[in-house]
């Protein structure tokens, strides 16, 4: 694959403990169909996962100018949409990345970011 992209899945907040077994099965099937579409396109899923709700997250402001790092436990009230998962994909080009990202199952939307090749710097 010539290029790598990260697809961030953004949706309203969710709680996995409130998801029914049927909804889990449907979501699993939808993501399996996405994985199949990626493979059929000759691309690769290089990584990815669902993320836990923001109540389990921590916002970290790094230490600077002599001040210590600041750790803020979630949820983060200033956020209305959340990153609920991601995929890292290897593709031919940006056109294929866009086409495949549009197939990611979501109740919200996705954001597509090219990965910087820091090995060539």
N, C-alpha and C. Protein backbone atom coordinates (compact mmCIF):
# COMPACT_ATOMS: atom_id res chain seq x y z
N UNK A 1 0.85 -1.18 0.00
CA UNK A 1 0.00 0.00 0.00
C UNK A 1 0.89 1.24 0.00
N UNK A 2 0.48 2.21 -0.74
CA UNK A 2 1.30 3.41 -0.90
C UNK A 2 1.03 4.46 0.18
N UNK A 3 -0.18 4.51 0.71
CA UNK A 3 -0.54 5.56 1.65
C UNK A 3 -1.31 4.98 2.83
N UNK A 4 -1.17 5.65 3.99
CA UNK A 4 -1.91 5.25 5.18
C UNK A 4 -2.78 6.41 5.66
N UNK A 5 -3.96 6.07 6.17
CA UNK A 5 -4.92 7.05 6.68
C UNK A 5 -5.51 6.54 7.98
N UNK A 6 -5.91 7.48 8.84
CA UNK A 6 -6.67 7.15 10.03
C UNK A 6 -8.08 7.69 9.83
N UNK A 7 -9.05 6.84 10.10
CA UNK A 7 -10.46 7.23 10.03
C UNK A 7 -10.97 7.31 11.47
N UNK A 8 -11.34 8.51 11.91
CA UNK A 8 -11.92 8.68 13.24
C UNK A 8 -13.43 8.60 13.12
N UNK A 9 -14.03 7.78 13.95
CA UNK A 9 -15.49 7.62 13.95
C UNK A 9 -16.05 8.52 15.03
N UNK A 10 -16.88 9.50 14.65
CA UNK A 10 -17.46 10.45 15.60
C UNK A 10 -18.96 10.22 15.68
N UNK A 11 -19.44 10.12 16.92
CA UNK A 11 -20.86 9.87 17.16
C UNK A 11 -21.27 10.54 18.46
N UNK A 12 -22.56 10.59 18.71
CA UNK A 12 -22.99 11.04 20.04
C UNK A 12 -22.46 10.07 21.10
N UNK A 13 -22.37 10.54 22.33
CA UNK A 13 -21.90 9.70 23.43
C UNK A 13 -22.72 8.42 23.51
N UNK A 14 -22.09 7.35 23.92
CA UNK A 14 -22.77 6.06 24.03
C UNK A 14 -22.26 5.33 25.26
N UNK A 15 -22.99 4.35 25.69
CA UNK A 15 -22.63 3.55 26.85
C UNK A 15 -22.75 2.08 26.44
N UNK A 16 -21.63 1.37 26.34
CA UNK A 16 -21.69 -0.02 25.87
C UNK A 16 -22.54 -0.92 26.76
N UNK A 17 -22.71 -0.56 28.02
CA UNK A 17 -23.53 -1.39 28.90
C UNK A 17 -25.03 -1.28 28.58
N UNK A 18 -25.39 -0.27 27.79
CA UNK A 18 -26.79 -0.09 27.40
C UNK A 18 -27.10 -0.59 25.99
N UNK A 19 -26.14 -1.25 25.36
CA UNK A 19 -26.33 -1.74 23.99
C UNK A 19 -26.90 -3.16 24.06
N UNK A 20 -28.00 -3.38 23.35
CA UNK A 20 -28.63 -4.71 23.37
C UNK A 20 -27.77 -5.71 22.60
N UNK A 21 -28.02 -6.97 22.86
CA UNK A 21 -27.30 -8.04 22.15
C UNK A 21 -27.55 -7.95 20.65
N UNK A 22 -28.79 -7.66 20.26
CA UNK A 22 -29.11 -7.52 18.83
C UNK A 22 -28.36 -6.36 18.20
N UNK A 23 -28.25 -5.24 18.93
CA UNK A 23 -27.51 -4.08 18.40
C UNK A 23 -26.02 -4.40 18.27
N UNK A 24 -25.46 -5.14 19.24
CA UNK A 24 -24.05 -5.55 19.14
C UNK A 24 -23.85 -6.43 17.92
N UNK A 25 -24.76 -7.38 17.71
CA UNK A 25 -24.65 -8.27 16.55
C UNK A 25 -24.72 -7.48 15.25
N UNK A 26 -25.64 -6.52 15.19
CA UNK A 26 -25.77 -5.70 13.99
C UNK A 26 -24.52 -4.86 13.75
N UNK A 27 -23.98 -4.28 14.81
CA UNK A 27 -22.77 -3.47 14.67
C UNK A 27 -21.58 -4.33 14.25
N UNK A 28 -21.47 -5.51 14.84
CA UNK A 28 -20.38 -6.42 14.48
C UNK A 28 -20.49 -6.83 13.01
N UNK A 29 -21.69 -7.12 12.56
CA UNK A 29 -21.90 -7.49 11.16
C UNK A 29 -21.58 -6.33 10.23
N UNK A 30 -21.95 -5.11 10.62
CA UNK A 30 -21.67 -3.93 9.79
C UNK A 30 -20.16 -3.70 9.67
N UNK A 31 -19.44 -3.86 10.76
CA UNK A 31 -17.99 -3.66 10.71
C UNK A 31 -17.30 -4.80 9.97
N UNK A 32 -17.83 -6.01 10.07
CA UNK A 32 -17.29 -7.12 9.28
C UNK A 32 -17.50 -6.87 7.79
N UNK A 33 -18.64 -6.32 7.42
CA UNK A 33 -18.91 -5.98 6.02
C UNK A 33 -17.95 -4.89 5.54
N UNK A 34 -17.65 -3.93 6.42
CA UNK A 34 -16.67 -2.90 6.07
C UNK A 34 -15.30 -3.55 5.83
N UNK A 35 -14.89 -4.43 6.72
CA UNK A 35 -13.59 -5.11 6.57
C UNK A 35 -13.54 -5.89 5.25
N UNK A 36 -14.63 -6.52 4.90
CA UNK A 36 -14.69 -7.26 3.63
C UNK A 36 -14.57 -6.31 2.44
N UNK A 37 -15.25 -5.17 2.51
CA UNK A 37 -15.17 -4.19 1.42
C UNK A 37 -13.75 -3.66 1.25
N UNK A 38 -13.06 -3.45 2.37
CA UNK A 38 -11.66 -2.99 2.31
C UNK A 38 -10.80 -4.05 1.62
N UNK A 39 -10.95 -5.30 2.03
CA UNK A 39 -10.17 -6.38 1.44
C UNK A 39 -10.47 -6.54 -0.05
N UNK A 40 -11.75 -6.47 -0.41
CA UNK A 40 -12.14 -6.61 -1.82
C UNK A 40 -11.61 -5.47 -2.68
N UNK A 41 -11.36 -4.32 -2.06
CA UNK A 41 -10.80 -3.17 -2.79
C UNK A 41 -9.28 -3.27 -2.91
N UNK A 42 -8.70 -4.32 -2.31
CA UNK A 42 -7.25 -4.48 -2.37
C UNK A 42 -6.53 -3.62 -1.35
N UNK A 43 -7.25 -3.06 -0.39
CA UNK A 43 -6.66 -2.23 0.66
C UNK A 43 -6.54 -3.07 1.93
N UNK A 44 -6.04 -2.46 3.01
CA UNK A 44 -5.84 -3.19 4.26
C UNK A 44 -6.32 -2.37 5.44
N UNK A 45 -6.87 -3.07 6.43
CA UNK A 45 -7.09 -2.46 7.74
C UNK A 45 -5.82 -2.75 8.54
N UNK A 46 -5.11 -1.69 8.93
CA UNK A 46 -3.84 -1.83 9.65
C UNK A 46 -4.03 -1.80 11.16
N UNK A 47 -5.21 -1.35 11.58
CA UNK A 47 -5.52 -1.29 13.01
C UNK A 47 -6.87 -0.67 13.20
N UNK A 48 -7.35 -0.69 14.43
CA UNK A 48 -8.63 -0.07 14.72
C UNK A 48 -9.28 -0.71 15.93
N UNK A 49 -10.16 0.03 16.54
CA UNK A 49 -10.89 -0.45 17.71
C UNK A 49 -12.01 0.50 18.04
N UNK A 50 -12.96 -0.01 18.82
CA UNK A 50 -13.97 0.84 19.46
C UNK A 50 -13.33 1.44 20.70
N UNK A 51 -13.75 2.63 21.08
CA UNK A 51 -13.22 3.29 22.27
C UNK A 51 -14.29 3.34 23.34
N UNK A 52 -13.87 3.27 24.58
CA UNK A 52 -14.78 3.35 25.71
C UNK A 52 -15.33 4.78 25.81
N UNK A 53 -16.45 4.97 26.51
CA UNK A 53 -17.07 6.30 26.64
C UNK A 53 -16.14 7.31 27.32
N UNK A 54 -16.44 8.58 27.13
CA UNK A 54 -15.59 9.64 27.68
C UNK A 54 -15.54 9.64 29.20
N UNK A 55 -16.51 9.04 29.86
CA UNK A 55 -16.47 8.96 31.32
C UNK A 55 -15.23 8.20 31.78
N UNK A 56 -14.64 7.38 30.91
CA UNK A 56 -13.45 6.60 31.26
C UNK A 56 -12.17 7.25 30.75
N UNK A 57 -12.29 8.36 30.04
CA UNK A 57 -11.13 9.02 29.42
C UNK A 57 -10.48 10.02 30.38
N UNK A 58 -9.27 10.41 30.03
CA UNK A 58 -8.54 11.42 30.79
C UNK A 58 -7.96 12.42 29.80
N UNK A 59 -8.20 13.70 30.05
CA UNK A 59 -7.58 14.78 29.27
C UNK A 59 -6.29 15.15 30.00
N UNK A 60 -5.17 15.18 29.28
CA UNK A 60 -3.88 15.46 29.90
C UNK A 60 -3.27 16.69 29.24
N UNK A 61 -3.03 17.71 30.04
CA UNK A 61 -2.30 18.89 29.59
C UNK A 61 -0.86 18.70 30.06
N UNK A 62 0.09 18.53 29.13
CA UNK A 62 1.46 18.22 29.53
C UNK A 62 2.08 19.32 30.40
N UNK A 63 3.06 18.90 31.20
CA UNK A 63 3.82 19.86 32.02
C UNK A 63 4.53 20.84 31.10
N UNK A 64 4.54 22.12 31.52
CA UNK A 64 5.29 23.12 30.75
C UNK A 64 5.58 24.33 31.62
N UNK A 65 6.65 24.99 31.31
CA UNK A 65 7.06 26.21 32.01
C UNK A 65 7.09 26.01 33.53
N UNK A 66 7.55 24.85 33.96
CA UNK A 66 7.67 24.57 35.39
C UNK A 66 6.38 24.13 36.06
N UNK A 67 5.25 24.21 35.37
CA UNK A 67 3.98 23.76 35.95
C UNK A 67 3.83 22.26 35.71
N UNK A 68 3.24 21.54 36.66
CA UNK A 68 3.08 20.09 36.47
C UNK A 68 1.99 19.78 35.43
N UNK A 69 2.00 18.54 34.98
CA UNK A 69 0.95 18.09 34.07
C UNK A 69 -0.40 18.16 34.80
N UNK A 70 -1.45 18.44 34.03
CA UNK A 70 -2.80 18.51 34.59
C UNK A 70 -3.60 17.36 34.00
N UNK A 71 -4.23 16.57 34.89
CA UNK A 71 -5.04 15.42 34.50
C UNK A 71 -6.49 15.73 34.83
N UNK A 72 -7.37 15.68 33.81
CA UNK A 72 -8.79 15.95 34.00
C UNK A 72 -9.58 14.71 33.59
N UNK A 73 -10.29 14.13 34.55
CA UNK A 73 -11.09 12.95 34.24
C UNK A 73 -12.32 13.34 33.43
N UNK A 74 -12.72 12.46 32.48
CA UNK A 74 -13.92 12.67 31.70
C UNK A 74 -15.15 12.39 32.56
N UNK A 75 -16.33 12.65 32.08
CA UNK A 75 -16.62 13.13 30.72
C UNK A 75 -16.31 14.62 30.57
N UNK A 76 -16.17 15.02 29.32
CA UNK A 76 -15.81 16.39 29.01
C UNK A 76 -17.05 17.12 28.51
N UNK A 77 -17.60 17.98 29.34
CA UNK A 77 -18.90 18.60 29.05
C UNK A 77 -18.88 19.51 27.84
N UNK A 78 -17.70 20.02 27.45
CA UNK A 78 -17.65 20.93 26.31
C UNK A 78 -17.77 20.19 24.97
N UNK A 79 -17.77 18.88 24.99
CA UNK A 79 -17.83 18.09 23.77
C UNK A 79 -19.22 17.49 23.59
N UNK A 80 -19.76 17.61 22.37
CA UNK A 80 -21.08 17.05 22.08
C UNK A 80 -20.98 15.78 21.23
N UNK A 81 -19.93 15.68 20.43
CA UNK A 81 -19.70 14.48 19.64
C UNK A 81 -18.36 13.90 20.07
N UNK A 82 -18.26 12.59 20.02
CA UNK A 82 -17.11 11.91 20.58
C UNK A 82 -16.48 10.99 19.55
N UNK A 83 -15.19 10.76 19.70
CA UNK A 83 -14.53 9.74 18.90
C UNK A 83 -14.86 8.41 19.57
N UNK A 84 -15.62 7.59 18.88
CA UNK A 84 -16.06 6.31 19.46
C UNK A 84 -15.25 5.13 18.92
N UNK A 85 -14.41 5.40 17.94
CA UNK A 85 -13.59 4.33 17.38
C UNK A 85 -12.74 4.87 16.25
N UNK A 86 -11.91 4.01 15.71
CA UNK A 86 -11.03 4.42 14.62
C UNK A 86 -10.60 3.21 13.81
N UNK A 87 -10.18 3.48 12.59
CA UNK A 87 -9.50 2.50 11.75
C UNK A 87 -8.24 3.16 11.21
N UNK A 88 -7.19 2.39 11.05
CA UNK A 88 -6.03 2.82 10.28
C UNK A 88 -6.02 1.94 9.04
N UNK A 89 -6.02 2.56 7.87
CA UNK A 89 -6.12 1.82 6.62
C UNK A 89 -4.93 2.11 5.72
N UNK A 90 -4.53 1.12 4.96
CA UNK A 90 -3.51 1.27 3.93
C UNK A 90 -4.18 1.18 2.58
N UNK A 91 -3.97 2.20 1.76
CA UNK A 91 -4.70 2.32 0.49
C UNK A 91 -3.76 2.74 -0.64
N UNK A 92 -4.28 2.69 -1.88
CA UNK A 92 -3.53 3.13 -3.06
C UNK A 92 -3.30 4.63 -3.06
N UNK A 93 -4.42 5.36 -2.76
CA UNK A 93 -4.37 6.81 -2.91
C UNK A 93 -5.52 7.44 -2.13
N UNK A 94 -5.57 8.76 -2.14
CA UNK A 94 -6.59 9.48 -1.37
C UNK A 94 -8.00 9.16 -1.87
N UNK A 95 -8.16 8.93 -3.16
CA UNK A 95 -9.49 8.61 -3.69
C UNK A 95 -10.00 7.31 -3.08
N UNK A 96 -9.15 6.30 -3.00
CA UNK A 96 -9.57 5.04 -2.40
C UNK A 96 -9.82 5.22 -0.90
N UNK A 97 -9.01 6.03 -0.23
CA UNK A 97 -9.22 6.29 1.20
C UNK A 97 -10.58 6.92 1.43
N UNK A 98 -10.93 7.89 0.62
CA UNK A 98 -12.23 8.56 0.76
C UNK A 98 -13.38 7.59 0.50
N UNK A 99 -13.23 6.80 -0.54
CA UNK A 99 -14.27 5.84 -0.91
C UNK A 99 -14.51 4.84 0.23
N UNK A 100 -13.43 4.32 0.80
CA UNK A 100 -13.57 3.33 1.87
C UNK A 100 -14.04 3.96 3.17
N UNK A 101 -13.55 5.15 3.49
CA UNK A 101 -14.00 5.83 4.72
C UNK A 101 -15.50 6.08 4.69
N UNK A 102 -16.03 6.31 3.51
CA UNK A 102 -17.48 6.55 3.38
C UNK A 102 -18.29 5.29 3.68
N UNK A 103 -17.65 4.14 3.74
CA UNK A 103 -18.34 2.88 4.03
C UNK A 103 -18.31 2.51 5.52
N UNK A 104 -17.57 3.25 6.34
CA UNK A 104 -17.47 2.92 7.76
C UNK A 104 -18.85 3.05 8.40
N UNK A 105 -19.32 2.01 9.08
CA UNK A 105 -20.63 2.10 9.73
C UNK A 105 -20.58 3.06 10.92
N UNK A 106 -21.50 4.00 10.96
CA UNK A 106 -21.56 4.97 12.05
C UNK A 106 -22.94 5.59 12.12
N UNK A 107 -23.32 5.97 13.33
CA UNK A 107 -24.54 6.74 13.52
C UNK A 107 -24.26 8.23 13.48
N UNK A 108 -23.01 8.58 13.21
CA UNK A 108 -22.58 9.98 13.14
C UNK A 108 -21.87 10.25 11.84
N UNK A 109 -20.58 10.51 11.91
CA UNK A 109 -19.79 10.75 10.71
C UNK A 109 -18.36 10.31 10.99
N UNK A 110 -17.53 10.34 9.94
CA UNK A 110 -16.11 10.00 10.09
C UNK A 110 -15.26 11.17 9.62
N UNK A 111 -14.05 11.20 10.14
CA UNK A 111 -13.04 12.16 9.69
C UNK A 111 -11.85 11.36 9.19
N UNK A 112 -11.28 11.79 8.07
CA UNK A 112 -10.20 11.07 7.41
C UNK A 112 -8.93 11.90 7.48
N UNK A 113 -7.86 11.32 8.04
CA UNK A 113 -6.60 12.02 8.18
C UNK A 113 -5.48 11.21 7.52
N UNK A 114 -4.68 11.84 6.64
CA UNK A 114 -3.50 11.13 6.15
C UNK A 114 -2.48 11.00 7.27
N UNK A 115 -1.77 9.87 7.30
CA UNK A 115 -0.73 9.64 8.28
C UNK A 115 0.58 10.21 7.73
N UNK A 116 1.26 10.99 8.53
CA UNK A 116 2.54 11.58 8.13
C UNK A 116 3.61 10.50 8.13
N UNK A 117 4.36 10.41 7.05
CA UNK A 117 5.46 9.46 6.97
C UNK A 117 6.69 10.08 7.63
N UNK A 118 6.86 9.85 8.91
CA UNK A 118 7.99 10.44 9.63
C UNK A 118 9.28 9.67 9.40
N UNK A 119 9.20 8.47 8.81
CA UNK A 119 10.41 7.70 8.53
C UNK A 119 11.23 8.32 7.41
N UNK A 120 10.61 9.11 6.56
CA UNK A 120 11.35 9.71 5.44
C UNK A 120 11.90 11.09 5.77
N UNK A 121 11.77 11.51 7.02
CA UNK A 121 12.25 12.85 7.40
C UNK A 121 13.70 12.81 7.82
